[in-house]
Protein backbone atom coordinates (compact mmCIF):
# COMPACT_ATOMS: atom_id res chain seq x y z
CA MET A 1 75.08 67.30 111.46
CA SER A 2 74.54 63.59 110.86
CA LEU A 3 77.53 61.32 111.31
CA HIS A 4 76.02 58.51 109.26
CA ARG A 5 76.66 55.92 112.00
CA ARG A 6 74.20 53.83 113.91
CA THR A 7 73.05 53.95 117.47
CA PHE A 8 76.37 54.65 119.19
CA LEU A 9 76.28 58.20 117.85
CA LYS A 10 72.90 59.00 119.35
CA ALA A 11 73.48 61.71 121.95
CA ALA A 12 72.86 60.68 125.55
CA ALA A 13 70.74 63.02 127.62
CA LEU A 14 73.19 65.43 129.23
CA GLY A 15 73.75 66.08 132.94
CA LEU A 16 71.86 67.35 135.92
CA ALA A 17 72.74 70.51 137.83
CA ILE A 18 76.26 70.38 139.21
CA PRO A 19 76.68 70.51 142.97
CA GLY A 20 79.51 72.28 144.77
CA ALA A 21 82.91 70.74 144.28
CA THR A 22 83.60 67.74 146.50
CA ARG A 23 86.97 67.62 148.20
CA GLY A 24 89.04 64.55 148.95
CA THR A 25 88.07 60.97 148.30
CA VAL A 26 84.49 60.61 147.16
CA ASN A 27 82.30 57.56 147.42
CA LEU A 28 78.73 58.28 146.42
CA ARG A 29 76.01 55.97 145.14
CA SER A 30 72.88 56.79 143.22
CA ASN A 31 69.47 56.84 144.84
CA ARG A 32 68.08 55.62 141.53
CA LYS A 33 67.82 51.95 140.78
CA SER A 34 70.01 50.65 138.00
CA GLN A 35 68.52 48.84 135.05
CA ALA A 36 67.71 45.20 135.73
CA GLY A 37 70.77 43.08 135.10
CA ALA A 38 73.06 46.07 134.54
CA PRO A 39 76.64 45.34 135.62
CA ASP A 40 78.81 46.93 138.22
CA VAL A 41 81.75 48.50 136.42
CA VAL A 42 85.08 49.68 137.78
CA VAL A 43 86.85 52.24 135.59
CA ALA A 44 90.57 52.59 136.39
CA GLY A 45 91.61 56.06 135.28
CA ALA A 46 89.89 59.45 135.59
CA GLY A 47 91.19 61.17 132.46
CA ALA A 48 89.32 61.92 129.25
CA PHE A 49 88.84 58.23 128.35
CA GLY A 50 87.93 57.17 131.87
CA MET A 51 85.60 59.98 133.00
CA TRP A 52 83.62 60.17 129.77
CA THR A 53 83.28 56.37 129.73
CA ALA A 54 82.14 56.35 133.35
CA PHE A 55 79.66 59.16 132.66
CA HIS A 56 78.06 57.30 129.76
CA LEU A 57 78.08 53.95 131.57
CA ARG A 58 76.17 55.54 134.42
CA ARG A 59 73.68 57.07 131.98
CA LEU A 60 73.18 53.60 130.53
CA GLY A 61 72.26 52.30 133.99
CA ALA A 62 75.48 50.72 135.20
CA VAL A 63 76.69 51.10 138.78
CA VAL A 64 80.12 52.68 138.24
CA THR A 65 83.16 53.33 140.43
CA VAL A 66 86.13 55.31 139.07
CA VAL A 67 89.52 54.68 140.66
CA ASP A 68 92.46 57.01 140.07
CA PRO A 69 95.69 57.63 142.02
CA TYR A 70 95.37 61.41 141.80
CA GLY A 71 91.70 62.09 141.02
CA PRO A 72 89.85 63.68 138.07
CA ALA A 73 91.55 66.64 136.35
CA ASN A 74 94.77 66.25 138.33
CA SER A 75 97.93 67.97 137.10
CA ARG A 76 99.60 64.69 136.09
CA ALA A 77 96.84 63.57 133.75
CA SER A 78 97.21 64.05 130.00
CA SER A 79 93.79 65.72 130.16
CA GLY A 80 94.62 67.82 133.23
CA GLY A 81 96.16 70.83 131.49
CA GLU A 82 94.54 74.23 131.16
CA THR A 83 93.43 73.92 127.54
CA ARG A 84 93.15 71.50 124.63
CA GLY A 85 92.38 72.34 121.02
CA VAL A 86 89.40 70.78 119.25
CA ARG A 87 89.84 70.70 115.48
CA SER A 88 89.03 68.09 112.85
CA ALA A 89 91.78 68.33 110.21
CA TYR A 90 93.05 64.75 110.01
CA GLY A 91 94.20 64.39 106.43
CA ASP A 92 97.48 62.92 107.62
CA GLU A 93 95.87 59.86 109.24
CA THR A 94 94.69 56.67 107.50
CA HIS A 95 91.68 56.75 109.85
CA GLY A 96 91.25 60.50 109.33
CA LEU A 97 87.62 60.34 108.19
CA LEU A 98 86.55 58.60 111.39
CA TRP A 99 88.50 61.01 113.59
CA THR A 100 87.06 63.95 111.66
CA ARG A 101 83.55 62.60 112.09
CA TRP A 102 83.98 62.10 115.82
CA ALA A 103 85.71 65.46 116.39
CA VAL A 104 82.98 67.40 114.60
CA GLU A 105 80.27 65.60 116.55
CA SER A 106 82.17 66.27 119.77
CA MET A 107 82.27 70.00 119.04
CA ARG A 108 78.49 69.95 118.94
CA ARG A 109 78.39 68.04 122.23
CA TRP A 110 80.87 70.39 123.93
CA ARG A 111 78.56 73.27 123.04
CA GLU A 112 75.56 71.30 124.30
CA TRP A 113 77.37 70.65 127.56
CA ASP A 114 77.91 74.37 128.14
CA ALA A 115 74.29 75.19 127.31
CA GLU A 116 72.96 72.42 129.55
CA HIS A 117 74.96 73.53 132.59
CA ALA A 118 74.83 77.31 132.24
CA GLU A 119 72.16 77.54 134.96
CA ALA A 120 74.59 75.94 137.41
CA LEU A 121 76.92 78.94 136.79
CA LEU A 122 79.66 76.62 135.56
CA PRO A 123 82.12 78.64 133.46
CA PRO A 124 81.94 77.59 129.80
CA VAL A 125 84.50 75.03 128.69
CA PHE A 126 84.28 75.31 124.89
CA TYR A 127 85.37 78.44 123.01
CA THR A 128 84.84 78.67 119.25
CA THR A 129 88.05 80.16 117.89
CA GLY A 130 88.32 78.73 114.40
CA ASP A 131 91.56 76.98 113.44
CA LEU A 132 94.13 78.23 110.93
CA ILE A 133 96.73 75.86 109.42
CA LEU A 134 99.63 77.56 107.61
CA ARG A 135 102.02 75.83 105.21
CA GLU A 136 104.47 76.80 102.46
CA GLU A 137 102.57 74.71 99.93
CA ARG A 138 99.25 72.98 99.46
CA THR A 139 100.18 69.57 100.82
CA SER A 140 98.37 66.24 100.62
CA TYR A 141 97.56 66.67 104.33
CA LEU A 142 95.56 69.80 103.57
CA GLU A 143 93.92 68.28 100.50
CA ARG A 144 92.83 65.11 102.32
CA SER A 145 91.56 67.13 105.28
CA ALA A 146 89.42 69.17 102.88
CA ALA A 147 88.19 65.99 101.18
CA ASN A 148 87.08 64.59 104.55
CA TRP A 149 85.21 67.81 105.27
CA ASP A 150 83.56 67.66 101.84
CA THR A 151 82.37 64.13 102.62
CA LEU A 152 80.89 65.25 105.95
CA ASP A 153 79.66 68.67 104.78
CA VAL A 154 81.87 70.56 107.25
CA PRO A 155 82.51 74.25 106.45
CA TYR A 156 86.10 75.30 105.68
CA GLU A 157 88.05 77.83 103.61
CA PHE A 158 91.31 77.83 101.69
CA LEU A 159 92.63 81.35 102.22
CA SER A 160 95.11 83.27 100.11
CA PRO A 161 98.17 84.85 101.75
CA GLU A 162 96.53 88.23 101.17
CA GLU A 163 93.39 87.15 103.02
CA VAL A 164 95.39 85.86 105.97
CA ALA A 165 97.31 89.14 106.13
CA TYR A 166 94.05 91.11 105.98
CA ARG A 167 92.31 89.16 108.75
CA TRP A 168 95.29 88.69 111.09
CA PRO A 169 98.06 91.13 110.08
CA TRP A 170 100.06 90.36 113.24
CA ILE A 171 100.72 86.76 112.08
CA ARG A 172 103.88 86.22 110.00
CA PHE A 173 104.64 83.28 107.73
CA GLU A 174 107.36 83.62 105.12
CA ASN A 175 106.63 82.02 101.75
CA LEU A 176 103.06 81.24 102.76
CA GLY A 177 101.61 79.05 100.03
CA ALA A 178 98.50 77.55 101.64
CA ALA A 179 96.20 78.42 104.53
CA LEU A 180 93.33 76.16 105.58
CA TYR A 181 90.72 77.60 107.94
CA GLU A 182 88.12 75.59 109.91
CA PRO A 183 85.68 78.16 111.38
CA GLY A 184 83.88 75.73 113.72
CA ALA A 185 86.99 74.55 115.57
CA GLY A 186 87.70 75.69 119.08
CA VAL A 187 89.49 75.27 122.39
CA VAL A 188 88.31 73.50 125.54
CA ARG A 189 89.27 74.46 129.08
CA ALA A 190 90.51 70.93 129.69
CA ARG A 191 90.88 70.78 133.46
CA ARG A 192 87.53 72.47 134.01
CA ALA A 193 85.89 70.16 131.49
CA ILE A 194 87.02 66.96 133.22
CA GLU A 195 86.07 68.45 136.59
CA SER A 196 82.58 69.17 135.30
CA VAL A 197 82.13 65.70 133.80
CA ALA A 198 83.23 64.20 137.12
CA GLN A 199 80.80 66.35 139.10
CA VAL A 200 77.84 65.44 136.88
CA PHE A 201 78.86 61.78 137.10
CA LEU A 202 78.83 62.08 140.91
CA ARG A 203 75.47 63.82 140.85
CA ASP A 204 74.15 60.96 138.74
CA GLY A 205 75.21 58.53 141.47
CA GLY A 206 78.65 57.46 140.34
CA ALA A 207 81.54 56.95 142.75
CA VAL A 208 85.13 58.21 142.61
CA THR A 209 87.83 56.68 144.81
CA LEU A 210 91.46 57.75 145.11
CA GLY A 211 93.77 54.78 144.68
CA ARG A 212 96.02 52.93 142.27
CA ALA A 213 94.28 49.89 140.80
CA SER A 214 95.96 46.73 139.51
CA LEU A 215 94.74 43.27 138.59
CA GLY A 216 93.44 41.42 141.65
CA GLU A 217 91.92 38.01 142.19
CA ARG A 218 90.81 36.01 139.16
CA SER A 219 88.90 32.87 138.40
CA GLY A 220 89.94 31.46 135.04
CA ARG A 221 89.34 34.19 132.49
CA THR A 222 87.24 36.28 134.87
CA LEU A 223 88.74 39.11 136.93
CA LEU A 224 87.03 39.26 140.32
CA ASP A 225 88.42 42.53 141.69
CA VAL A 226 91.08 45.18 141.40
CA ALA A 227 93.71 45.43 144.11
CA LEU A 228 94.56 48.81 145.64
CA GLU A 229 97.96 49.84 146.94
CA ASP A 230 96.62 50.31 150.47
CA GLY A 231 95.71 46.63 150.61
CA GLY A 232 92.05 47.05 149.79
CA SER A 233 90.18 45.84 146.75
CA ILE A 234 87.06 46.63 144.74
CA ALA A 235 85.01 43.77 143.32
CA SER A 236 82.97 44.16 140.15
CA SER A 237 81.58 42.21 137.24
CA THR A 238 83.29 44.36 134.58
CA PHE A 239 86.49 46.41 134.49
CA VAL A 240 87.72 49.15 132.16
CA PHE A 241 91.36 50.22 132.37
CA ALA A 242 91.77 53.72 130.92
CA CYS A 243 95.30 54.43 132.13
CA GLY A 244 96.71 56.74 129.47
CA PRO A 245 100.51 57.07 129.76
CA TRP A 246 100.46 54.75 132.78
CA PHE A 247 99.49 51.76 130.59
CA PRO A 248 103.10 50.53 130.14
CA LYS A 249 103.42 50.46 133.94
CA VAL A 250 100.05 48.85 134.62
CA PHE A 251 100.35 46.17 131.90
CA PRO A 252 104.06 46.12 130.96
CA GLU A 253 104.00 43.02 128.75
CA LEU A 254 100.76 43.89 127.00
CA MET A 255 100.99 47.66 126.59
CA ALA A 256 104.66 48.64 126.72
CA PRO A 257 105.18 47.46 123.10
CA ARG A 258 102.04 49.29 122.00
CA ILE A 259 102.27 52.64 123.81
CA ARG A 260 104.91 55.38 123.78
CA THR A 261 104.72 58.15 126.38
CA PRO A 262 106.71 61.18 125.18
CA MET A 263 106.18 64.58 126.74
CA GLY A 264 104.96 67.78 125.12
CA HIS A 265 105.87 71.29 126.25
CA VAL A 266 103.21 74.00 126.56
CA TYR A 267 103.83 77.69 127.23
CA TYR A 268 101.43 80.47 128.12
CA PHE A 269 102.95 83.84 127.20
CA ALA A 270 101.78 87.13 128.69
CA THR A 271 99.89 89.34 126.25
CA PRO A 272 100.46 93.13 126.32
CA PRO A 273 97.92 95.00 128.48
CA GLY A 274 95.09 96.31 126.34
CA ASP A 275 96.34 94.55 123.19
CA GLU A 276 93.40 92.38 122.19
CA ARG A 277 94.95 90.86 119.08
CA TRP A 278 96.12 87.85 121.07
CA VAL A 279 92.91 87.05 122.94
CA HIS A 280 89.68 85.27 122.06
CA PRO A 281 87.74 85.97 119.86
CA ASN A 282 90.20 88.07 117.87
CA MET A 283 92.56 85.31 116.82
CA PRO A 284 92.07 81.66 115.81
CA SER A 285 93.90 78.65 117.09
CA TYR A 286 96.77 77.97 114.74
CA GLY A 287 99.06 75.28 113.40
CA VAL A 288 102.47 75.84 111.84
CA PRO A 289 104.87 72.94 111.17
CA GLY A 290 105.54 71.21 114.48
CA VAL A 291 103.68 73.75 116.61
CA THR A 292 100.10 74.41 117.65
CA GLY A 293 98.56 77.06 119.84
CA TRP A 294 95.72 79.51 120.40
CA PRO A 295 94.78 82.88 121.84
CA ALA A 296 94.35 83.69 125.52
CA LEU A 297 90.89 82.76 126.77
CA GLY A 298 88.70 84.59 129.26
CA PRO A 299 87.80 84.98 131.98
CA ASP A 300 91.30 84.45 133.41
CA TYR A 301 93.44 85.08 130.29
CA ARG A 302 96.27 82.78 131.30
CA GLY A 303 98.16 83.72 128.17
CA PHE A 304 98.90 83.07 124.51
CA ARG A 305 99.36 79.33 124.21
CA LEU A 306 102.14 77.63 122.24
CA ARG A 307 103.10 73.93 122.17
CA THR A 308 106.41 72.51 121.01
CA GLY A 309 108.03 69.10 121.15
CA GLY A 310 109.22 68.09 124.58
CA ARG A 311 111.48 65.82 126.55
CA PRO A 312 112.00 62.08 125.97
CA GLU A 313 109.83 59.50 127.65
CA ALA A 314 109.86 59.39 131.43
CA ASP A 315 107.91 57.88 134.31
CA PRO A 316 104.54 59.71 134.44
CA ASP A 317 104.53 59.40 138.24
CA LEU A 318 107.93 61.07 138.63
CA SER A 319 108.43 63.45 135.70
CA ASP A 320 108.53 67.20 136.38
CA ARG A 321 105.52 68.99 134.92
CA TRP A 322 107.18 72.40 134.62
CA ILE A 323 109.58 73.27 131.82
CA ALA A 324 113.14 74.25 132.67
CA ALA A 325 114.69 77.30 130.97
CA GLU A 326 117.01 75.12 128.91
CA TYR A 327 113.99 74.04 126.81
CA HIS A 328 112.56 77.53 126.15
CA ASP A 329 114.51 78.48 123.02
CA PRO A 330 112.34 76.57 120.48
CA ALA A 331 109.23 78.35 121.73
CA ARG A 332 110.96 81.73 121.56
CA ARG A 333 112.03 81.05 117.98
CA VAL A 334 108.42 80.32 117.01
CA LEU A 335 107.35 83.67 118.45
CA GLU A 336 110.14 85.47 116.60
CA ARG A 337 109.25 83.77 113.32
CA HIS A 338 105.45 83.91 113.38
CA PHE A 339 104.37 86.31 116.14
CA PRO A 340 107.18 88.87 116.38
CA ASP A 341 105.20 91.32 118.50
CA LEU A 342 105.29 88.70 121.29
CA ALA A 343 108.95 87.78 120.84
CA ASP A 344 109.93 89.26 124.22
CA ALA A 345 106.74 88.33 126.09
CA ALA A 346 107.08 87.03 129.62
CA ILE A 347 106.10 83.44 130.35
CA ASN A 348 103.06 83.27 132.60
CA GLU A 349 103.33 79.53 133.14
CA THR A 350 104.53 76.31 131.58
CA ARG A 351 103.00 72.85 131.39
CA ALA A 352 104.47 69.49 130.47
CA CYS A 353 102.27 66.48 129.84
CA HIS A 354 102.69 62.91 128.65
CA TYR A 355 101.06 61.66 125.48
CA ASP A 356 100.16 58.00 125.09
CA ILE A 357 100.79 57.31 121.43
CA SER A 358 99.74 53.91 120.13
CA ALA A 359 101.74 51.86 117.65
CA THR A 360 98.91 52.15 115.13
CA ARG A 361 98.34 55.86 115.84
CA ASN A 362 94.69 54.97 116.39
CA PHE A 363 92.78 54.62 119.64
CA ILE A 364 92.88 51.27 121.46
CA ILE A 365 89.48 50.02 122.61
CA ASP A 366 89.43 46.26 123.09
CA ARG A 367 89.11 43.41 125.56
CA HIS A 368 92.18 42.41 127.51
CA PRO A 369 93.34 39.17 125.82
CA GLY A 370 93.66 37.40 129.17
CA PHE A 371 90.16 38.16 130.48
CA ASP A 372 86.57 38.06 129.29
CA ASN A 373 85.42 40.93 131.52
CA VAL A 374 88.33 43.39 131.27
CA TRP A 375 88.60 46.20 128.71
CA VAL A 376 91.51 48.47 127.84
CA ALA A 377 90.86 51.96 126.43
CA GLY A 378 93.64 54.36 125.53
CA GLY A 379 96.22 55.21 122.90
CA GLY A 380 94.90 58.76 122.65
CA SER A 381 97.83 59.73 120.40
CA ALA A 382 97.48 63.43 121.34
CA GLU A 383 94.00 63.57 119.79
CA ALA A 384 91.54 61.72 122.04
CA PHE A 385 90.59 64.63 124.29
CA LYS A 386 88.96 66.39 121.34
CA SER A 387 86.49 63.54 120.85
CA GLY A 388 86.05 62.59 124.49
CA PRO A 389 82.23 62.90 124.55
CA VAL A 390 81.90 60.51 121.60
CA ILE A 391 84.74 58.15 122.54
CA GLY A 392 83.28 57.71 126.03
CA GLU A 393 79.86 56.85 124.65
CA TYR A 394 81.31 54.37 122.18
CA ILE A 395 83.35 52.60 124.89
CA ALA A 396 80.37 52.51 127.25
CA ARG A 397 78.15 50.96 124.60
CA ARG A 398 80.82 48.38 123.73
CA VAL A 399 81.17 47.44 127.39
CA MET A 400 77.39 47.18 127.81
CA GLY A 401 77.05 44.99 124.70
CA ILE A 402 75.00 47.58 122.80
CA GLU A 403 77.50 48.63 120.12
CA ASP A 404 78.77 45.88 117.81
CA ASP A 405 80.01 47.65 114.69
CA PRO A 406 82.70 45.19 113.44
CA GLU A 407 84.49 47.82 111.35
CA LEU A 408 85.06 50.04 114.36
CA ALA A 409 85.99 47.12 116.58
CA GLU A 410 88.66 46.13 114.07
CA ALA A 411 89.97 49.70 113.83
CA PHE A 412 90.47 49.91 117.60
CA ARG A 413 91.74 46.40 118.32
CA LEU A 414 94.86 45.65 120.30
CA GLY A 415 96.27 43.33 117.64
CA ASP A 416 98.72 40.49 118.13
CA ASP A 417 101.77 42.63 118.80
CA GLY A 418 102.95 46.19 118.97
CA GLY A 419 104.05 46.44 115.37
CA GLU A 420 102.49 48.51 112.65
CA ASP A 421 99.77 45.92 112.17
CA GLY A 422 99.10 45.69 115.92
């Protein structure tokens, strides 16, 4: 499918064979020569923004070092959970057409990634489940999502209540008035995906270092290095801070007004032995008001996934990432209402993760206002992981001076403050 954009949407050649997992701090360099005049780049943050950006920067010839306190795919990262849904229904966003475009292109790239690395025996990361959105009435959100898909020629179906009951009779929704189905949507094994991107990046000659980076020495508007907590530093010509929910801590004056970091609660419920209704490919991912989830995925079948709202904002370095029993009732009520055959299912595991929601609800990809060689990339707003392969390429091309689409640059700017126009 064509995305009707210019060069930043051209797919980069995808990775080499993945070596065995590397343990501990890694510091590898490529045996290949970088392109003449290509910069050294330090990327602070090894989540979806950071690792995909580093991957594409390396493919563009830059010499890249990723610095992260906990490492790629760690349990504290927003992208470090077991699974993340990849859908493209964004009729509730003013920038919904762009997000739809990028999400659909990313689905293609997730599938390409699995095909490219199958010979390395890497378990697949993308599972096509389809996505089913259920509502009491045909809302403007559903209508605008369908309009975006019409513009981009993306397949979808509006299903009648009878059709939903025929296909998935174990799903309940009282007063169902509208059901929107996106057959190409899916679910990504998130932790495995970031691990695989990191391993290909290392194989390509990138470097990953464990450490917490902050602004170091500067000369006028040029940052010379990042300082590490152990007293060391890493010099570079260009820096990208992709800090996710840590942004308000890293740049409190700049990012605290622009980023909120609430937590979401995720549950994986045990499915009955031999009952395949709740496992891929027999059930789609789903969205009911305030809740999303999907079936259990092989080969490990961790459980039927359900996400609810979570706890208030907390320090991402200190917050507990398991969910105490006092928060379980909302998830149980969802099962009782929509999936009654699982109402008494045991909880296999829980996950809690921080979102980094921007004031504009759009991604932030812009230069730091105090430096000419520092970029900030974040504000995922619970949606960036889906489009990671495309977001990372766009950021890399901006940093390398290749992409200069002014409309996109304006959409992703920091702005003058953290208000609605920021």
